[in-house]
């Protein structure tokens, strides 16, 4: 997988890869997480989050525009210094390994809660991690194609299935507007940020897209917009179906709603079909994070053996997973630990790097790439 960073992605491949890798992990739990803080005005939190992350998308694009041929791990050293850049790079490597570990833990949590309650945890971990190791031997182009298939087939099927809950929605559950204090609405938006945790991967993937800057900007904009609209639709449907009190009792509301739905008066238990197949989208996220961490390691060390790097990262993830033998009891705590770091690496560092680039007036876009 790491050896593939010379291969280029098309615009639609980068779009599908971004949307699928970012949204696949928390898609079932976002309504519960936001409702916990914003209650019946959770949909307002989702709209605020949509606008906020479009601004973050602008930051990512502006930073990439100034150094269009450089990925994140190269930007840090150019914009700061060799040693400060390496420190930031290793922090990002640890962060992406952490995201991959979290993805493996969350898949195990979902499986134990929904489809494999009596299967030993280590077996579920083993299935997921070994499949990830197998996929990681491929190329980023292959992963991008795979993400397009999983998005169109599984995410599309998920949205189609859950749309049958729309006739049973009670829109009064979304009212009154503004009844919840602004601080709680903003707190809901803050906690929704965990659903965008992998967005900083764009700073590594954008140089692989050999296209005009305008095209890259559209990819970023529509990727974030698609992710946000998926979350918003699922949140509104779940909130208007369950109400804020009942939604607060269901940690995985999207799957629970699919469980009680009957589609076309024939099909039931769509939750089992979707959950059994959802390993594919989560593997996209997991393998992408391994890919990015591997790029970081190869950029910051003399060690270039790609297969060994992937294997070492996988062993580290396996060890970290072993430290959480009861993952299903620790996911909320793990969310709270991961959330501040997500904002630092997804927002704080990119804004800092962009500010440095602007102050130092670094802009290579006119020299290296046309088409803004």
Protein backbone atom coordinates (compact mmCIF):
# COMPACT_ATOMS: atom_id res chain seq x y z
CA UNK A 1 0.00 0.00 0.00
CA UNK A 2 2.73 2.49 0.94
CA UNK A 3 4.64 1.82 -2.22
CA UNK A 4 1.73 3.19 -4.17
CA UNK A 5 2.16 6.86 -3.37
CA UNK A 6 3.52 7.40 -6.90
CA UNK A 7 0.24 6.22 -8.33
CA UNK A 8 -2.30 8.94 -8.97
CA UNK A 9 -5.92 9.11 -7.91
CA UNK A 10 -8.75 10.47 -10.01
CA UNK A 11 -11.08 13.10 -8.60
CA UNK A 12 -13.98 10.71 -8.08
CA UNK A 13 -11.67 8.13 -6.46
CA UNK A 14 -10.42 10.70 -3.95
CA UNK A 15 -14.01 11.80 -3.31
CA UNK A 16 -15.23 8.27 -2.55
CA UNK A 17 -12.14 7.43 -0.52
CA UNK A 18 -12.55 10.53 1.64
CA UNK A 19 -16.28 10.16 2.20
CA UNK A 20 -16.15 6.44 2.91
CA UNK A 21 -13.10 6.52 5.17
CA UNK A 22 -14.31 9.47 7.26
CA UNK A 23 -17.98 8.55 7.65
CA UNK A 24 -17.92 4.76 7.96
CA UNK A 25 -16.76 4.52 11.58
CA UNK A 26 -19.21 6.73 13.50
CA UNK A 27 -22.15 6.69 11.11
CA UNK A 28 -24.34 4.50 13.35
CA UNK A 29 -23.72 6.44 16.58
CA UNK A 30 -23.65 10.12 15.54
CA UNK A 31 -27.37 10.74 16.35
CA UNK A 32 -26.87 9.41 19.89
CA UNK A 33 -23.67 11.39 20.51
CA UNK A 34 -25.15 14.71 19.40
CA UNK A 35 -28.54 14.17 21.05
CA UNK A 36 -26.77 13.52 24.35
CA UNK A 37 -25.80 17.20 24.45
CA UNK A 38 -28.14 19.13 22.13
CA UNK A 39 -31.36 17.16 22.73
CA UNK A 40 -34.17 18.00 20.28
CA UNK A 41 -32.06 20.76 18.70
CA UNK A 42 -29.36 18.28 17.71
CA UNK A 43 -30.14 18.97 14.05
CA UNK A 44 -29.02 22.57 14.61
CA UNK A 45 -25.71 21.25 15.92
CA UNK A 46 -25.37 19.20 12.74
CA UNK A 47 -25.93 22.27 10.55
CA UNK A 48 -23.37 24.26 12.55
CA UNK A 49 -20.91 21.40 12.18
CA UNK A 50 -21.53 21.31 8.42
CA UNK A 51 -20.67 25.00 8.08
CA UNK A 52 -17.68 24.75 10.43
CA UNK A 53 -16.07 21.86 8.59
CA UNK A 54 -16.56 23.58 5.26
CA UNK A 55 -14.33 26.30 6.72
CA UNK A 56 -11.84 23.63 7.77
CA UNK A 57 -11.98 22.32 4.21
CA UNK A 58 -11.01 25.81 3.05
CA UNK A 59 -8.02 25.73 5.43
CA UNK A 60 -6.94 22.34 4.07
CA UNK A 61 -7.28 23.54 0.47
CA UNK A 62 -5.46 26.82 1.15
CA UNK A 63 -2.56 24.97 2.75
CA UNK A 64 -2.38 22.47 -0.10
CA UNK A 65 -2.63 25.27 -2.66
CA UNK A 66 0.57 26.84 -1.35
CA UNK A 67 2.50 23.56 -1.55
CA UNK A 68 0.56 21.48 -4.09
CA UNK A 69 3.29 18.88 -4.68
CA UNK A 70 3.99 18.25 -1.00
CA UNK A 71 2.13 16.01 1.40
CA UNK A 72 1.54 16.76 5.07
CA UNK A 73 4.79 15.16 6.25
CA UNK A 74 6.81 17.27 3.81
CA UNK A 75 4.93 20.49 4.52
CA UNK A 76 5.75 20.46 8.23
CA UNK A 77 9.51 20.52 7.65
CA UNK A 78 9.29 23.15 4.91
CA UNK A 79 7.09 25.49 6.93
CA UNK A 80 8.69 25.07 10.37
CA UNK A 81 12.13 23.46 10.61
CA UNK A 82 13.60 20.01 10.21
CA UNK A 83 13.35 19.07 13.87
CA UNK A 84 10.04 20.74 14.66
CA UNK A 85 8.64 19.23 11.48
CA UNK A 86 9.81 15.76 12.48
CA UNK A 87 8.22 16.13 15.91
CA UNK A 88 4.93 17.14 14.29
CA UNK A 89 5.24 14.27 11.83
CA UNK A 90 5.73 11.67 14.54
CA UNK A 91 2.78 13.10 16.42
CA UNK A 92 0.70 12.69 13.26
CA UNK A 93 2.00 9.13 12.81
CA UNK A 94 0.94 8.29 16.36
CA UNK A 95 -2.41 9.97 15.73
CA UNK A 96 -3.16 7.95 12.60
CA UNK A 97 -2.09 4.72 14.28
CA UNK A 98 -4.47 5.73 17.08
CA UNK A 99 -7.28 6.24 14.56
CA UNK A 100 -6.61 2.82 13.04
CA UNK A 101 -6.68 1.28 16.51
CA UNK A 102 -9.91 3.09 17.34
CA UNK A 103 -11.47 1.80 14.11
CA UNK A 104 -10.55 -1.79 15.01
CA UNK A 105 -11.90 -1.32 18.53
CA UNK A 106 -15.12 0.24 17.31
CA UNK A 107 -15.73 -2.52 14.79
CA UNK A 108 -15.29 -5.04 17.59
CA UNK A 109 -17.69 -3.06 19.77
CA UNK A 110 -20.35 -3.02 17.04
CA UNK A 111 -19.88 -6.71 16.30
CA UNK A 112 -20.11 -7.72 19.96
CA UNK A 113 -23.16 -5.54 20.52
CA UNK A 114 -25.03 -6.54 17.39
CA UNK A 115 -23.98 -9.64 15.48
CA UNK A 116 -21.35 -11.65 17.40
CA UNK A 117 -22.23 -11.38 21.11
CA UNK A 118 -20.75 -14.75 22.11
CA UNK A 119 -17.70 -14.70 19.85
CA UNK A 120 -14.44 -14.11 21.80
CA UNK A 121 -13.06 -10.61 21.39
CA UNK A 122 -9.68 -11.77 20.14
CA UNK A 123 -11.37 -13.66 17.29
CA UNK A 124 -13.18 -10.52 16.12
CA UNK A 125 -9.96 -8.50 16.41
CA UNK A 126 -8.08 -11.17 14.48
CA UNK A 127 -10.60 -11.26 11.64
CA UNK A 128 -10.57 -7.49 11.23
CA UNK A 129 -6.83 -6.96 11.58
CA UNK A 130 -5.83 -9.83 9.28
CA UNK A 131 -8.24 -8.65 6.59
CA UNK A 132 -6.80 -5.17 6.95
CA UNK A 133 -3.27 -6.53 6.63
CA UNK A 134 -4.23 -8.34 3.42
CA UNK A 135 -5.82 -5.23 1.87
CA UNK A 136 -2.88 -3.06 2.94
CA UNK A 137 -0.63 -5.03 0.59
CA UNK A 138 -2.44 -3.46 -2.36
CA UNK A 139 -2.23 0.06 -3.74
CA UNK A 140 -3.99 3.25 -2.75
CA UNK A 141 -5.68 3.20 -6.17
CA UNK A 142 -7.15 -0.22 -5.43
CA UNK A 143 -8.35 0.98 -2.04
CA UNK A 144 -9.96 4.03 -3.67
CA UNK A 145 -11.80 1.85 -6.18
CA UNK A 146 -12.92 -0.43 -3.39
CA UNK A 147 -14.18 2.57 -1.40
CA UNK A 148 -16.28 3.68 -4.38
CA UNK A 149 -17.95 0.28 -4.57
CA UNK A 150 -18.63 0.13 -0.83
CA UNK A 151 -20.00 3.67 -0.76
CA UNK A 152 -22.40 3.18 -3.65
CA UNK A 153 -23.47 -0.30 -2.56
CA UNK A 154 -23.54 -0.18 1.25
CA UNK A 155 -23.92 3.47 2.22
CA UNK A 156 -26.46 3.88 -0.57
CA UNK A 157 -28.31 0.79 0.62
CA UNK A 158 -28.21 2.07 4.21
CA UNK A 159 -29.77 5.41 3.24
CA UNK A 160 -32.34 3.67 1.04
CA UNK A 161 -33.34 1.30 3.85
CA UNK A 162 -33.60 3.94 6.54
CA UNK A 163 -35.67 6.18 4.27
CA UNK A 164 -38.60 3.83 4.96
CA UNK A 165 -38.70 5.35 8.46
CA UNK A 166 -39.61 8.78 7.03
CA UNK A 167 -43.41 8.17 6.99
CA UNK A 168 -43.24 7.38 10.71
CA UNK A 169 -41.32 10.52 11.63
CA UNK A 170 -42.81 12.99 14.12
CA UNK A 171 -41.38 16.38 13.23
CA UNK A 172 -42.67 17.83 16.49
CA UNK A 173 -39.79 15.95 18.15
CA UNK A 174 -37.48 18.52 16.51
CA UNK A 175 -39.24 21.44 18.18
CA UNK A 176 -39.16 23.98 19.73
CA UNK A 177 -36.29 25.60 17.86
CA UNK A 178 -33.78 27.37 20.08
CA UNK A 179 -35.19 25.95 23.29
CA UNK A 180 -31.85 24.32 24.11
CA UNK A 181 -29.13 26.71 25.39
CA UNK A 182 -26.60 27.78 22.78
CA UNK A 183 -23.76 26.33 24.84
CA UNK A 184 -25.33 22.86 24.69
CA UNK A 185 -25.96 23.16 20.95
CA UNK A 186 -22.32 24.11 20.42
CA UNK A 187 -21.27 21.28 22.73
CA UNK A 188 -23.22 18.91 20.51
CA UNK A 189 -21.38 20.27 17.48
CA UNK A 190 -18.08 19.80 19.29
CA UNK A 191 -18.78 16.14 20.05
CA UNK A 192 -19.92 15.58 16.48
CA UNK A 193 -16.34 16.30 15.44
CA UNK A 194 -15.38 12.69 16.18
CA UNK A 195 -17.28 11.81 13.02
CA UNK A 196 -14.76 13.82 10.97
CA UNK A 197 -11.63 12.42 12.62
CA UNK A 198 -9.93 11.25 9.42
CA UNK A 199 -10.36 14.48 7.48
CA UNK A 200 -6.71 15.47 7.89
CA UNK A 201 -5.86 12.53 5.61
CA UNK A 202 -6.68 14.90 2.73
CA UNK A 203 -3.36 16.67 3.30
CA UNK A 204 -1.61 13.40 2.42
CA UNK A 205 -3.95 12.34 -0.38
CA UNK A 206 -4.35 15.61 -2.31
CA UNK A 207 -0.86 15.49 -3.90
CA UNK A 208 -1.83 12.10 -5.38
CA UNK A 209 -4.59 13.80 -7.37
CA UNK A 210 -2.97 15.16 -10.52
CA UNK A 211 -5.60 17.69 -11.50
CA UNK A 212 -6.39 21.39 -11.42
CA UNK A 213 -6.67 23.18 -8.10
CA UNK A 214 -10.30 24.00 -8.86
CA UNK A 215 -11.03 20.30 -9.17
CA UNK A 216 -9.29 19.59 -5.88
CA UNK A 217 -11.30 22.33 -4.21
CA UNK A 218 -14.52 20.80 -5.48
CA UNK A 219 -13.47 17.37 -4.21
CA UNK A 220 -12.82 18.77 -0.72
CA UNK A 221 -16.06 20.78 -0.68
CA UNK A 222 -18.32 18.00 -1.90
CA UNK A 223 -16.62 15.35 0.23
CA UNK A 224 -17.26 17.30 3.42
CA UNK A 225 -20.75 18.27 2.24
CA UNK A 226 -21.64 14.62 1.53
CA UNK A 227 -20.36 13.47 4.93
CA UNK A 228 -22.24 16.25 6.71
CA UNK A 229 -25.50 15.61 4.84
CA UNK A 230 -25.33 11.87 5.59
CA UNK A 231 -24.94 12.65 9.29
CA UNK A 232 -27.69 15.28 9.17
CA UNK A 233 -30.19 12.99 7.41
CA UNK A 234 -29.56 10.10 9.80
CA UNK A 235 -29.75 12.40 12.82
CA UNK A 236 -33.04 14.01 11.76
CA UNK A 237 -34.65 10.65 10.94
CA UNK A 238 -33.55 9.07 14.23
CA UNK A 239 -34.49 12.11 16.31
CA UNK A 240 -37.88 12.51 14.64
CA UNK A 241 -38.56 8.79 15.00
CA UNK A 242 -37.45 8.14 18.59
CA UNK A 243 -37.66 11.55 20.24
CA UNK A 244 -34.85 12.95 22.37
CA UNK A 245 -35.58 10.84 25.47
CA UNK A 246 -35.76 7.47 23.72
CA UNK A 247 -32.80 8.34 21.51
CA UNK A 248 -30.75 8.89 24.65
CA UNK A 249 -31.33 5.25 25.60
CA UNK A 250 -30.06 3.78 22.31
CA UNK A 251 -26.26 4.09 21.79
CA UNK A 252 -26.45 2.73 18.22
CA UNK A 253 -29.76 4.25 17.03
CA UNK A 254 -29.27 3.79 13.27
CA UNK A 255 -28.94 0.02 13.60
CA UNK A 256 -31.79 -0.14 16.08
CA UNK A 257 -34.06 1.77 13.70
CA UNK A 258 -33.15 -0.61 10.88
CA UNK A 259 -33.94 -3.50 13.20
CA UNK A 260 -37.54 -2.43 13.75
CA UNK A 261 -38.25 -1.39 10.15
CA UNK A 262 -40.14 -3.48 7.63
CA UNK A 263 -39.31 -2.64 4.02
CA UNK A 264 -41.99 -3.08 1.36
CA UNK A 265 -43.93 -5.24 3.84
CA UNK A 266 -41.51 -8.07 3.08
CA UNK A 267 -37.95 -7.44 4.26
CA UNK A 268 -37.02 -7.23 7.94
CA UNK A 269 -33.85 -7.12 10.05
CA UNK A 270 -31.96 -5.01 7.54
CA UNK A 271 -29.65 -4.17 10.43
CA UNK A 272 -28.10 -7.63 10.27
CA UNK A 273 -27.52 -7.43 6.53
CA UNK A 274 -25.89 -4.00 6.77
CA UNK A 275 -23.87 -4.75 9.89
CA UNK A 276 -22.50 -8.00 8.48
CA UNK A 277 -21.33 -6.17 5.37
CA UNK A 278 -20.13 -3.03 7.16
CA UNK A 279 -16.71 -4.54 7.77
CA UNK A 280 -15.86 -3.41 4.22
CA UNK A 281 -16.32 0.36 4.76
CA UNK A 282 -14.58 0.18 8.13
CA UNK A 283 -11.66 -1.64 6.53
CA UNK A 284 -11.36 1.28 4.09
CA UNK A 285 -10.87 3.64 7.05
CA UNK A 286 -8.54 1.26 8.86
CA UNK A 287 -6.28 0.57 5.88
CA UNK A 288 -6.16 4.24 4.85
CA UNK A 289 -4.91 5.22 8.31
CA UNK A 290 -2.25 2.50 8.14
CA UNK A 291 -1.30 3.77 4.69
CA UNK A 292 -0.89 7.34 5.95
CA UNK A 293 1.05 6.29 9.06
CA UNK A 294 3.30 4.20 6.80
CA UNK A 295 3.92 7.16 4.50
CA UNK A 296 4.90 9.18 7.57
CA UNK A 297 7.32 6.52 8.80
CA UNK A 298 8.96 6.12 5.39
CA UNK A 299 9.26 9.92 5.05
CA UNK A 300 10.84 10.37 8.48
CA UNK A 301 13.16 7.36 8.72
CA UNK A 302 15.67 5.57 6.54
CA UNK A 303 13.60 2.44 6.76
CA UNK A 304 11.85 1.97 3.40
CA UNK A 305 10.71 -1.66 3.45
CA UNK A 306 7.00 -1.12 2.86
CA UNK A 307 5.79 -4.58 3.83
CA UNK A 308 7.71 -4.52 7.10
CA UNK A 309 6.37 -1.06 7.94
CA UNK A 310 2.79 -2.25 7.45
CA UNK A 311 3.48 -5.35 9.53
CA UNK A 312 5.03 -3.33 12.37
CA UNK A 313 2.09 -0.91 12.41
CA UNK A 314 -0.32 -3.85 12.46
CA UNK A 315 1.53 -5.41 15.41
CA UNK A 316 1.38 -2.10 17.30
CA UNK A 317 -2.36 -1.87 16.65
CA UNK A 318 -2.82 -5.47 17.79
CA UNK A 319 -0.99 -4.71 21.03
CA UNK A 320 -3.07 -1.59 21.65
CA UNK A 321 -6.28 -3.51 21.00
CA UNK A 322 -5.17 -6.14 23.51
CA UNK A 323 -5.01 -3.40 26.15
CA UNK A 324 -8.78 -2.89 25.73
CA UNK A 325 -10.22 -6.39 26.19
CA UNK A 326 -13.65 -4.98 27.02
CA UNK A 327 -13.87 -2.44 24.22
CA UNK A 328 -17.66 -2.31 24.26
CA UNK A 329 -17.57 -0.90 27.81
CA UNK A 330 -14.95 1.72 27.04
CA UNK A 331 -16.01 3.33 23.76
CA UNK A 332 -17.56 6.46 25.29
CA UNK A 333 -14.45 7.00 27.40
CA UNK A 334 -12.28 6.37 24.35
CA UNK A 335 -14.34 8.92 22.37
CA UNK A 336 -13.72 11.52 25.05
CA UNK A 337 -9.97 10.82 25.02
CA UNK A 338 -9.70 10.94 21.24
CA UNK A 339 -11.87 14.01 20.62
CA UNK A 340 -9.45 16.76 21.81
CA UNK A 341 -6.57 15.22 19.84
CA UNK A 342 -8.81 15.07 16.78
CA UNK A 343 -9.32 18.82 16.89
CA UNK A 344 -5.61 19.48 17.44
CA UNK A 345 -4.49 17.38 14.46
CA UNK A 346 -7.44 18.09 12.19
CA UNK A 347 -7.77 21.82 12.88
CA UNK A 348 -5.04 23.21 15.14
CA UNK A 349 -1.94 22.09 13.25
CA UNK A 350 -3.32 22.84 9.74
CA UNK A 351 -4.31 26.37 10.81
CA UNK A 352 -0.87 26.85 12.38
CA UNK A 353 0.88 25.64 9.23
CA UNK A 354 -1.30 27.84 7.02
CA UNK A 355 -0.55 30.87 9.20
CA UNK A 356 3.19 30.19 8.93
CA UNK A 357 2.91 29.81 5.15
CA UNK A 358 1.05 33.11 4.89
CA UNK A 359 3.51 34.95 7.14
CA UNK A 360 6.49 33.56 5.22
CA UNK A 361 4.66 34.14 1.91
CA UNK A 362 5.28 30.59 0.74
CA UNK A 363 3.27 29.83 -2.39
CA UNK A 364 4.49 27.33 -4.97
CA UNK A 365 1.18 26.83 -6.77
CA UNK A 366 2.04 29.17 -9.63
CA UNK A 367 5.39 27.47 -10.12
CA UNK A 368 4.28 23.82 -9.93
CA UNK A 369 0.60 23.61 -10.85
CA UNK A 370 -1.73 25.61 -13.04
CA UNK A 371 -5.43 25.84 -13.03
CA UNK A 372 -6.60 27.62 -9.95
